Amino acid sequence: MKLDLVEEREFPLLNRKQMKFSLDYDTVTPKNEEVKKIVVDNLKLDGNVVVIKKINPFFGKNNASILVYVYKSSEDIEKYDKIHKKVKKDGKKEETKKQDSK
């Protein structure tokens, strides 16, 4: 996989850098964990300060645009970057009973 830096912007009030990369890959679009590992290895940073915001693959090509936030500390991530995950209510599926009418 080949990673190229396209754009870099500094946001001093949020204590982060916004970086846009172009990623060339071989088969399928890589997952967030794989992209994070590639970015961390390429930039030689700590994995706790890097957040992958978006992976945008191009249709019909083995190329994707990646938006990455690099924070100065892990406390800044907790303060400025909230992760919203869907949580199931009970974690159980409700079973519906069918009644046979005779």
C-alpha atoms as a PDB file:
ATOM      1  CA  MET A   1       0.000   0.000   0.000  1.00  0.00           C
ATOM      2  CA  LYS A   2       1.213   3.462  -0.877  1.00  0.00           C
ATOM      3  CA  LEU A   3       0.340   6.511   1.239  1.00  0.00           C
ATOM      4  CA  ASP A   4       0.804  10.071  -0.063  1.00  0.00           C
ATOM      5  CA  LEU A   5       0.191  13.289   1.881  1.00  0.00           C
ATOM      6  CA  VAL A   6      -2.109  15.612  -0.087  1.00  0.00           C
ATOM      7  CA  GLU A   7      -2.888  18.415   2.366  1.00  0.00           C
ATOM      8  CA  GLU A   8      -2.059  19.401   5.943  1.00  0.00           C
ATOM      9  CA  ARG A   9      -3.770  22.089   8.046  1.00  0.00           C
ATOM     10  CA  GLU A  10      -3.070  23.212  11.594  1.00  0.00           C
ATOM     11  CA  PHE A  11      -5.884  23.990  14.066  1.00  0.00           C
ATOM     12  CA  PRO A  12      -4.194  25.510  17.148  1.00  0.00           C
ATOM     13  CA  LEU A  13      -7.428  26.112  19.075  1.00  0.00           C
ATOM     14  CA  LEU A  14      -8.343  22.436  18.854  1.00  0.00           C
ATOM     15  CA  ASN A  15      -4.744  21.237  19.362  1.00  0.00           C
ATOM     16  CA  ARG A  16      -4.790  19.141  16.218  1.00  0.00           C
ATOM     17  CA  LYS A  17      -3.626  18.807  12.633  1.00  0.00           C
ATOM     18  CA  GLN A  18      -5.949  17.786   9.826  1.00  0.00           C
ATOM     19  CA  MET A  19      -4.236  15.710   7.174  1.00  0.00           C
ATOM     20  CA  LYS A  20      -5.583  14.403   3.885  1.00  0.00           C
ATOM     21  CA  PHE A  21      -3.908  11.384   2.338  1.00  0.00           C
ATOM     22  CA  SER A  22      -4.226   9.439  -0.868  1.00  0.00           C
ATOM     23  CA  LEU A  23      -3.950   5.676  -0.358  1.00  0.00           C
ATOM     24  CA  ASP A  24      -3.311   3.176  -3.154  1.00  0.00           C
ATOM     25  CA  TYR A  25      -4.199  -0.412  -2.215  1.00  0.00           C
ATOM     26  CA  ASP A  26      -4.229  -3.791  -3.944  1.00  0.00           C
ATOM     27  CA  THR A  27      -7.505  -5.617  -3.370  1.00  0.00           C
ATOM     28  CA  VAL A  28     -10.268  -4.314  -1.089  1.00  0.00           C
ATOM     29  CA  THR A  29     -10.594  -1.035   0.785  1.00  0.00           C
ATOM     30  CA  PRO A  30      -8.632  -1.410   4.037  1.00  0.00           C
ATOM     31  CA  LYS A  31     -10.377  -1.134   7.395  1.00  0.00           C
ATOM     32  CA  ASN A  32      -9.896   1.746   9.832  1.00  0.00           C
ATOM     33  CA  GLU A  33      -7.454  -0.222  12.003  1.00  0.00           C
ATOM     34  CA  GLU A  34      -5.238  -1.067   9.014  1.00  0.00           C
ATOM     35  CA  VAL A  35      -5.242   2.538   7.786  1.00  0.00           C
ATOM     36  CA  LYS A  36      -4.441   3.818  11.277  1.00  0.00           C
ATOM     37  CA  LYS A  37      -1.467   1.454  11.510  1.00  0.00           C
ATOM     38  CA  ILE A  38      -0.167   2.605   8.108  1.00  0.00           C
ATOM     39  CA  VAL A  39      -0.534   6.298   9.037  1.00  0.00           C
ATOM     40  CA  VAL A  40       1.116   5.810  12.450  1.00  0.00           C
ATOM     41  CA  ASP A  41       4.035   3.931  10.860  1.00  0.00           C
ATOM     42  CA  ASN A  42       4.425   6.536   8.118  1.00  0.00           C
ATOM     43  CA  LEU A  43       4.307   9.578  10.439  1.00  0.00           C
ATOM     44  CA  LYS A  44       6.167   7.845  13.314  1.00  0.00           C
ATOM     45  CA  LEU A  45       3.566   8.915  15.890  1.00  0.00           C
ATOM     46  CA  ASP A  46       1.882   7.394  18.910  1.00  0.00           C
ATOM     47  CA  GLY A  47      -1.303   5.531  17.963  1.00  0.00           C
ATOM     48  CA  ASN A  48      -3.256   7.181  20.783  1.00  0.00           C
ATOM     49  CA  VAL A  49      -3.216  10.636  19.151  1.00  0.00           C
ATOM     50  CA  VAL A  50      -4.348   9.613  15.642  1.00  0.00           C
ATOM     51  CA  VAL A  51      -8.035   9.466  14.642  1.00  0.00           C
ATOM     52  CA  ILE A  52      -9.195   8.243  11.226  1.00  0.00           C
ATOM     53  CA  LYS A  53     -12.257  10.351  10.393  1.00  0.00           C
ATOM     54  CA  LYS A  54     -13.128   9.232   6.874  1.00  0.00           C
ATOM     55  CA  ILE A  55     -12.069   6.745   4.229  1.00  0.00           C
ATOM     56  CA  ASN A  56     -13.537   7.669   0.860  1.00  0.00           C
ATOM     57  CA  PRO A  57     -12.805   5.062  -1.843  1.00  0.00           C
ATOM     58  CA  PHE A  58     -13.090   6.036  -5.494  1.00  0.00           C
ATOM     59  CA  PHE A  59     -15.454   3.904  -7.563  1.00  0.00           C
ATOM     60  CA  GLY A  60     -13.705   1.475  -9.870  1.00  0.00           C
ATOM     61  CA  LYS A  61     -10.222   2.352  -8.653  1.00  0.00           C
ATOM     62  CA  ASN A  62      -7.914   0.947  -6.008  1.00  0.00           C
ATOM     63  CA  ASN A  63      -7.471   4.399  -4.502  1.00  0.00           C
ATOM     64  CA  ALA A  64      -9.035   6.131  -1.507  1.00  0.00           C
ATOM     65  CA  SER A  65      -8.978   9.579   0.043  1.00  0.00           C
ATOM     66  CA  ILE A  66      -8.378   9.531   3.804  1.00  0.00           C
ATOM     67  CA  LEU A  67      -9.060  12.263   6.365  1.00  0.00           C
ATOM     68  CA  VAL A  68      -6.951  11.992   9.541  1.00  0.00           C
ATOM     69  CA  TYR A  69      -6.850  14.091  12.716  1.00  0.00           C
ATOM     70  CA  VAL A  70      -3.592  14.131  14.693  1.00  0.00           C
ATOM     71  CA  TYR A  71      -4.010  15.542  18.210  1.00  0.00           C
ATOM     72  CA  LYS A  72      -1.282  16.764  20.541  1.00  0.00           C
ATOM     73  CA  SER A  73      -2.427  14.542  23.435  1.00  0.00           C
ATOM     74  CA  SER A  74      -4.982  11.859  24.210  1.00  0.00           C
ATOM     75  CA  GLU A  75      -6.783  14.287  26.561  1.00  0.00           C
ATOM     76  CA  ASP A  76      -7.502  16.518  23.557  1.00  0.00           C
ATOM     77  CA  ILE A  77      -9.146  13.579  21.790  1.00  0.00           C
ATOM     78  CA  GLU A  78     -11.473  13.038  24.740  1.00  0.00           C
ATOM     79  CA  LYS A  79     -12.240  16.745  24.885  1.00  0.00           C
ATOM     80  CA  TYR A  80     -12.830  17.564  21.207  1.00  0.00           C
ATOM     81  CA  ASP A  81     -13.524  14.324  19.348  1.00  0.00           C
ATOM     82  CA  LYS A  82     -16.580  12.472  20.557  1.00  0.00           C
ATOM     83  CA  ILE A  83     -17.207   8.982  19.240  1.00  0.00           C
ATOM     84  CA  HIS A  84     -20.857   8.095  18.908  1.00  0.00           C
ATOM     85  CA  LYS A  85     -21.674   4.427  18.745  1.00  0.00           C
ATOM     86  CA  LYS A  86     -25.060   2.850  18.458  1.00  0.00           C
ATOM     87  CA  VAL A  87     -25.954   0.911  21.565  1.00  0.00           C
ATOM     88  CA  LYS A  88     -28.656  -1.694  21.672  1.00  0.00           C
ATOM     89  CA  LYS A  89     -31.209  -1.317  24.432  1.00  0.00           C
ATOM     90  CA  ASP A  90     -31.070  -4.779  25.984  1.00  0.00           C
ATOM     91  CA  GLY A  91     -28.706  -6.542  23.668  1.00  0.00           C
ATOM     92  CA  LYS A  92     -31.345  -9.226  23.158  1.00  0.00           C
ATOM     93  CA  LYS A  93     -33.609  -9.871  20.242  1.00  0.00           C
ATOM     94  CA  GLU A  94     -37.293  -9.865  20.954  1.00  0.00           C
ATOM     95  CA  GLU A  95     -39.051 -12.995  19.845  1.00  0.00           C
ATOM     96  CA  THR A  96     -42.469 -12.724  18.351  1.00  0.00           C
ATOM     97  CA  LYS A  97     -44.838 -15.592  18.915  1.00  0.00           C
ATOM     98  CA  LYS A  98     -47.188 -16.638  16.204  1.00  0.00           C
ATOM     99  CA  GLN A  99     -50.502 -17.999  17.304  1.00  0.00           C
ATOM    100  CA  ASP A 100     -52.149 -20.691  15.253  1.00  0.00           C
ATOM    101  CA  SER A 101     -55.819 -20.033  14.706  1.00  0.00           C
ATOM    102  CA  LYS A 102     -57.850 -23.214  14.343  1.00  0.00           C
END
